[in-house]
N, C-alpha and C. Protein backbone atom coordinates (compact mmCIF):
# COMPACT_ATOMS: atom_id res chain seq x y z
N MET A 1 -43.98 1.22 149.39
CA MET A 1 -44.68 1.02 150.75
C MET A 1 -44.29 -0.66 150.80
N HIS A 2 -43.53 -0.93 151.86
CA HIS A 2 -43.14 -2.19 152.18
C HIS A 2 -44.67 -3.00 152.92
N GLU A 3 -45.20 -1.98 153.44
CA GLU A 3 -46.58 -2.61 154.22
C GLU A 3 -47.31 -3.50 153.44
N MET A 4 -47.37 -3.18 152.06
CA MET A 4 -48.12 -3.89 151.10
C MET A 4 -47.51 -5.31 151.17
N SER A 5 -46.33 -5.55 151.08
CA SER A 5 -45.68 -7.02 150.88
C SER A 5 -45.74 -7.70 152.48
N LEU A 6 -46.03 -6.81 153.18
CA LEU A 6 -46.10 -7.62 154.61
C LEU A 6 -47.34 -7.97 154.75
N CYS A 7 -48.06 -7.20 154.16
CA CYS A 7 -49.88 -8.03 154.02
C CYS A 7 -50.05 -9.18 153.31
N GLU A 8 -49.06 -9.25 152.14
CA GLU A 8 -49.24 -10.40 151.42
C GLU A 8 -48.55 -11.53 152.20
N GLY A 9 -47.63 -11.31 153.03
CA GLY A 9 -47.19 -12.30 153.72
C GLY A 9 -47.84 -12.63 154.77
N VAL A 10 -48.55 -11.85 155.44
CA VAL A 10 -49.78 -12.07 156.33
C VAL A 10 -50.71 -12.87 155.86
N LEU A 11 -51.30 -12.78 154.41
CA LEU A 11 -52.23 -13.52 153.79
C LEU A 11 -51.74 -15.03 153.38
N GLN A 12 -50.66 -14.98 153.37
CA GLN A 12 -50.00 -16.21 152.95
C GLN A 12 -49.91 -17.43 154.13
N ILE A 13 -49.55 -16.42 155.28
CA ILE A 13 -49.79 -17.44 156.76
C ILE A 13 -51.26 -17.59 157.20
N LEU A 14 -52.27 -16.71 156.81
CA LEU A 14 -53.60 -17.24 156.86
C LEU A 14 -53.96 -18.30 155.91
N GLU A 15 -53.55 -18.46 154.89
CA GLU A 15 -53.84 -19.35 153.78
C GLU A 15 -53.34 -20.76 154.20
N ASP A 16 -52.10 -20.61 154.44
CA ASP A 16 -51.37 -21.74 155.01
C ASP A 16 -52.07 -22.27 156.33
N HIS A 17 -52.68 -21.48 157.29
CA HIS A 17 -53.28 -22.02 158.68
C HIS A 17 -54.69 -22.54 158.33
N ALA A 18 -55.33 -21.76 157.37
CA ALA A 18 -56.43 -22.29 157.06
C ALA A 18 -56.66 -23.51 156.52
N VAL A 19 -55.53 -24.05 155.82
CA VAL A 19 -55.57 -25.38 155.32
C VAL A 19 -55.18 -26.77 156.12
N SER A 20 -54.00 -26.13 157.25
CA SER A 20 -53.97 -27.09 158.26
C SER A 20 -54.69 -26.96 159.38
N GLN A 21 -55.69 -26.00 159.59
CA GLN A 21 -56.58 -25.70 160.75
C GLN A 21 -57.67 -25.94 160.25
N GLY A 22 -58.32 -25.99 159.30
CA GLY A 22 -59.60 -26.32 158.52
C GLY A 22 -60.76 -25.42 158.49
N PHE A 23 -60.04 -24.04 158.79
CA PHE A 23 -61.16 -22.77 158.66
C PHE A 23 -61.39 -21.99 157.09
N THR A 24 -62.41 -21.60 156.84
CA THR A 24 -62.65 -21.08 155.67
C THR A 24 -62.84 -19.58 155.69
N GLN A 25 -62.91 -19.12 156.73
CA GLN A 25 -63.14 -17.43 156.68
C GLN A 25 -62.53 -16.70 157.91
N VAL A 26 -61.58 -15.84 157.62
CA VAL A 26 -61.10 -14.93 158.72
C VAL A 26 -61.76 -13.90 159.02
N LYS A 27 -62.57 -13.55 160.23
CA LYS A 27 -63.09 -12.32 160.64
C LYS A 27 -62.25 -11.27 161.49
N THR A 28 -61.18 -11.51 162.15
CA THR A 28 -60.47 -10.86 162.71
C THR A 28 -59.10 -11.28 162.95
N VAL A 29 -58.32 -10.18 162.75
CA VAL A 29 -56.41 -10.61 162.97
C VAL A 29 -55.98 -9.57 163.60
N TRP A 30 -55.20 -10.16 164.86
CA TRP A 30 -54.72 -9.25 165.89
C TRP A 30 -53.23 -9.31 165.59
N LEU A 31 -52.66 -8.13 165.15
CA LEU A 31 -51.19 -8.07 164.76
C LEU A 31 -50.51 -7.31 165.91
N GLU A 32 -49.52 -7.69 166.29
CA GLU A 32 -48.54 -7.01 167.28
C GLU A 32 -47.43 -6.53 166.23
N ILE A 33 -47.46 -4.99 166.60
CA ILE A 33 -46.34 -4.20 165.86
C ILE A 33 -45.61 -3.36 166.62
N GLY A 34 -44.22 -3.87 166.47
CA GLY A 34 -43.49 -3.02 167.34
C GLY A 34 -43.05 -1.52 167.22
N GLY A 35 -42.73 -0.75 167.97
CA GLY A 35 -42.67 0.80 167.74
C GLY A 35 -41.04 0.93 166.80
N LEU A 36 -40.27 -0.26 167.08
CA LEU A 36 -38.98 -0.11 166.37
C LEU A 36 -38.78 -1.00 165.03
N SER A 37 -40.27 -1.49 164.68
CA SER A 37 -40.18 -2.34 163.55
C SER A 37 -40.11 -1.69 162.26
N GLY A 38 -40.55 -0.51 162.01
CA GLY A 38 -40.44 0.47 160.86
C GLY A 38 -41.55 0.10 160.05
N VAL A 39 -42.53 -0.35 160.85
CA VAL A 39 -43.91 -0.50 160.04
C VAL A 39 -45.02 0.62 160.36
N ASP A 40 -45.21 1.26 159.52
CA ASP A 40 -46.45 2.38 159.70
C ASP A 40 -47.86 1.66 159.93
N PRO A 41 -48.42 1.69 161.17
CA PRO A 41 -49.56 1.15 161.24
C PRO A 41 -50.73 1.33 160.41
N GLU A 42 -50.90 2.80 159.86
CA GLU A 42 -51.90 3.15 159.17
C GLU A 42 -51.70 2.74 157.40
N ALA A 43 -50.33 2.26 157.27
CA ALA A 43 -49.89 2.20 155.80
C ALA A 43 -50.45 0.48 155.78
N MET A 44 -50.27 -0.20 156.84
CA MET A 44 -50.76 -1.39 157.31
C MET A 44 -52.07 -1.77 156.93
N ARG A 45 -52.99 -0.79 157.88
CA ARG A 45 -54.54 -1.06 157.71
C ARG A 45 -54.66 -0.86 155.90
N PHE A 46 -54.18 0.22 155.44
CA PHE A 46 -54.59 0.43 154.17
C PHE A 46 -54.36 -0.91 153.23
N GLY A 47 -53.01 -1.28 153.47
CA GLY A 47 -52.49 -2.40 152.55
C GLY A 47 -53.44 -3.75 152.99
N PHE A 48 -53.67 -4.07 154.28
CA PHE A 48 -54.54 -4.96 154.82
C PHE A 48 -55.82 -5.26 153.89
N ASP A 49 -56.57 -3.92 153.67
CA ASP A 49 -58.06 -4.02 152.95
C ASP A 49 -57.72 -4.25 151.83
N ALA A 50 -56.57 -3.66 151.13
CA ALA A 50 -56.44 -4.01 149.74
C ALA A 50 -56.02 -5.65 149.35
N VAL A 51 -55.20 -6.34 150.02
CA VAL A 51 -54.48 -7.44 149.66
C VAL A 51 -55.49 -8.23 150.14
N MET A 52 -56.29 -8.34 151.22
CA MET A 52 -57.33 -9.18 151.71
C MET A 52 -58.68 -9.35 150.88
N LYS A 53 -58.87 -8.45 150.07
CA LYS A 53 -59.98 -8.24 149.04
C LYS A 53 -60.09 -9.53 148.21
N ASP A 54 -61.15 -10.13 148.20
CA ASP A 54 -61.46 -11.49 147.50
C ASP A 54 -60.67 -12.53 147.80
N THR A 55 -60.44 -12.69 149.22
CA THR A 55 -59.70 -13.79 149.74
C THR A 55 -60.53 -14.25 150.90
N LEU A 56 -59.74 -15.44 151.68
CA LEU A 56 -60.84 -15.92 153.01
C LEU A 56 -60.95 -14.74 154.11
N ALA A 57 -59.97 -13.75 153.82
CA ALA A 57 -60.12 -12.50 154.74
C ALA A 57 -60.71 -11.37 154.33
N ASP A 58 -61.61 -11.54 153.35
CA ASP A 58 -62.19 -10.47 152.88
C ASP A 58 -63.01 -9.79 153.84
N GLY A 59 -62.91 -8.58 154.19
CA GLY A 59 -63.94 -7.93 155.04
C GLY A 59 -63.60 -7.92 156.85
N ALA A 60 -62.17 -8.83 156.80
CA ALA A 60 -61.87 -9.26 157.96
C ALA A 60 -61.45 -7.80 158.83
N VAL A 61 -61.36 -7.49 160.14
CA VAL A 61 -61.01 -6.49 160.93
C VAL A 61 -59.49 -6.60 161.26
N LEU A 62 -58.59 -5.75 160.75
CA LEU A 62 -57.30 -5.81 161.52
C LEU A 62 -57.22 -4.86 162.89
N GLU A 63 -56.79 -5.54 163.75
CA GLU A 63 -56.47 -5.00 165.21
C GLU A 63 -55.02 -4.89 165.31
N ILE A 64 -54.90 -3.52 165.60
CA ILE A 64 -53.18 -3.66 165.92
C ILE A 64 -52.84 -3.03 167.39
N ILE A 65 -52.00 -4.10 167.83
CA ILE A 65 -51.62 -4.00 169.29
C ILE A 65 -49.94 -3.19 169.04
N ASP A 66 -50.06 -2.24 169.64
CA ASP A 66 -48.89 -1.53 169.78
C ASP A 66 -47.85 -2.06 170.93
N LEU A 67 -46.78 -2.25 170.40
CA LEU A 67 -45.45 -2.77 171.37
C LEU A 67 -44.67 -1.75 171.34
N PRO A 68 -44.33 -1.21 172.80
CA PRO A 68 -43.10 -0.44 172.94
C PRO A 68 -41.97 -0.75 172.22
N GLY A 69 -40.81 0.01 172.02
CA GLY A 69 -39.74 -0.18 171.92
C GLY A 69 -38.98 -0.43 173.19
N GLN A 70 -38.13 -1.57 173.39
CA GLN A 70 -37.07 -1.82 174.73
C GLN A 70 -35.82 -1.92 174.26
N ALA A 71 -34.97 -1.46 175.29
CA ALA A 71 -33.76 -1.77 175.21
C ALA A 71 -33.01 -1.83 176.41
N TRP A 72 -32.07 -2.47 176.32
CA TRP A 72 -30.80 -2.88 177.55
C TRP A 72 -29.89 -1.65 177.27
N CYS A 73 -29.78 -0.87 178.40
CA CYS A 73 -28.55 0.15 178.35
C CYS A 73 -27.46 -0.71 179.15
N MET A 74 -25.91 -0.51 178.38
CA MET A 74 -24.84 -1.24 178.85
C MET A 74 -24.07 -0.34 179.74
N GLN A 75 -24.57 0.84 179.82
CA GLN A 75 -23.81 1.77 180.61
C GLN A 75 -24.50 1.82 181.90
N CYS A 76 -25.82 1.84 182.21
CA CYS A 76 -26.57 1.94 183.54
C CYS A 76 -27.45 0.55 183.89
N SER A 77 -27.02 -0.54 183.09
CA SER A 77 -27.60 -1.70 183.35
C SER A 77 -29.10 -1.77 183.51
N LYS A 78 -29.67 -0.93 182.93
CA LYS A 78 -31.44 -0.91 182.98
C LYS A 78 -31.88 -1.37 181.78
N GLN A 79 -32.97 -1.54 181.77
CA GLN A 79 -34.10 -1.81 180.60
C GLN A 79 -34.78 -0.81 180.61
N VAL A 80 -34.72 -0.11 179.39
CA VAL A 80 -35.69 1.21 179.29
C VAL A 80 -36.38 0.98 177.85
N SER A 81 -37.44 1.96 177.86
CA SER A 81 -38.26 2.38 176.67
C SER A 81 -37.61 3.18 175.86
N VAL A 82 -37.61 2.96 174.48
CA VAL A 82 -37.17 3.81 173.52
C VAL A 82 -38.17 3.94 172.48
N LYS A 83 -38.12 5.18 171.76
CA LYS A 83 -39.09 5.40 170.51
C LYS A 83 -38.34 5.22 169.22
N ALA A 84 -37.26 5.21 169.44
CA ALA A 84 -36.43 5.23 167.98
C ALA A 84 -35.18 4.34 168.25
N ARG A 85 -34.49 3.49 167.16
CA ARG A 85 -33.19 2.56 167.45
C ARG A 85 -32.03 3.63 167.94
N PHE A 86 -32.06 4.74 167.49
CA PHE A 86 -30.76 5.39 167.99
C PHE A 86 -30.98 6.46 169.04
N ASP A 87 -31.93 6.45 169.84
CA ASP A 87 -32.44 7.23 170.96
C ASP A 87 -31.28 7.20 172.04
N ALA A 88 -30.98 8.05 172.81
CA ALA A 88 -29.92 7.78 174.03
C ALA A 88 -30.75 7.10 175.05
N CYS A 89 -30.22 6.40 176.11
CA CYS A 89 -30.92 5.91 177.28
C CYS A 89 -31.62 7.06 177.93
N PRO A 90 -32.83 7.01 178.13
CA PRO A 90 -33.49 8.01 179.08
C PRO A 90 -32.78 8.24 180.37
N GLU A 91 -32.18 7.25 180.89
CA GLU A 91 -31.72 7.42 182.22
C GLU A 91 -30.48 7.94 182.42
N CYS A 92 -29.35 7.51 181.53
CA CYS A 92 -28.08 8.00 181.57
C CYS A 92 -27.73 8.95 180.51
N ASN A 93 -28.22 8.85 179.40
CA ASN A 93 -28.14 9.70 178.18
C ASN A 93 -27.01 8.62 177.50
N SER A 94 -26.68 7.48 177.59
CA SER A 94 -25.72 6.77 176.88
C SER A 94 -26.34 6.36 175.56
N TYR A 95 -25.35 5.98 174.25
CA TYR A 95 -26.18 5.49 173.45
C TYR A 95 -25.76 4.01 173.17
N GLN A 96 -25.18 3.29 173.93
CA GLN A 96 -24.87 1.88 174.03
C GLN A 96 -26.03 1.11 174.45
N LEU A 97 -27.12 1.20 173.53
CA LEU A 97 -28.35 0.54 174.02
C LEU A 97 -28.17 -0.79 172.84
N GLN A 98 -28.81 -1.85 173.17
CA GLN A 98 -29.04 -3.00 172.61
C GLN A 98 -30.72 -3.36 172.75
N VAL A 99 -31.28 -3.12 171.64
CA VAL A 99 -32.61 -3.65 171.59
C VAL A 99 -33.10 -4.87 171.88
N THR A 100 -33.92 -4.88 172.93
CA THR A 100 -34.42 -6.25 173.29
C THR A 100 -36.10 -6.52 172.90
N GLY A 101 -36.69 -5.43 172.50
CA GLY A 101 -38.08 -5.36 172.15
C GLY A 101 -38.73 -4.67 171.43
N GLY A 102 -39.66 -4.82 170.59
CA GLY A 102 -40.62 -4.03 169.69
C GLY A 102 -39.70 -3.52 168.60
N ASP A 103 -39.31 -4.61 168.00
CA ASP A 103 -38.76 -4.45 166.71
C ASP A 103 -39.66 -5.77 165.76
N GLU A 104 -40.43 -6.28 166.19
CA GLU A 104 -41.01 -7.29 165.76
C GLU A 104 -42.69 -7.00 165.19
N MET A 105 -42.90 -7.84 164.33
CA MET A 105 -44.35 -7.79 163.90
C MET A 105 -44.76 -9.31 163.74
N ARG A 106 -45.74 -9.35 164.42
CA ARG A 106 -46.61 -10.80 164.18
C ARG A 106 -47.82 -11.05 164.50
N ILE A 107 -48.59 -12.01 164.11
CA ILE A 107 -49.87 -12.51 164.37
C ILE A 107 -50.02 -12.82 165.77
N LYS A 108 -50.95 -12.13 166.36
CA LYS A 108 -51.08 -12.36 167.89
C LYS A 108 -52.32 -13.49 167.89
N GLU A 109 -53.38 -13.34 167.12
CA GLU A 109 -54.44 -13.87 167.41
C GLU A 109 -55.26 -14.13 166.26
N LEU A 110 -56.48 -14.84 165.95
CA LEU A 110 -57.10 -14.87 165.08
C LEU A 110 -58.48 -15.06 165.40
N GLU A 111 -59.60 -14.55 164.64
CA GLU A 111 -61.09 -15.09 164.85
C GLU A 111 -61.45 -15.77 163.45
N VAL A 112 -61.74 -16.72 163.43
CA VAL A 112 -61.81 -17.33 162.46
C VAL A 112 -63.50 -18.39 162.45
N ASP A 113 -63.87 -18.63 161.19
CA ASP A 113 -65.01 -19.58 161.00
C ASP A 113 -64.58 -20.63 160.03
């Protein structure tokens, strides 16, 4: 489960920002998770609660914002939504797609004290 190590990375970011911005407690974390990122949101929720225990984010709420997969079809020259990396273009059935979004995971917003 690589989500656990991703949660540890989130905690490191929270700790770094707490030092630089002067907060001591994290109440809510909004994470954007792309549909093509390979991150399982439910595993992320489980890992988040476990990793944040006894830290500045103990008891924090994790809000996940789902981002759809996006790709540029080189065959029909359209921006399209995709559910998996190797899906065909929903417009022309071509497999010549270049992912343009939805493969990221990032902290969008924090609520802190």
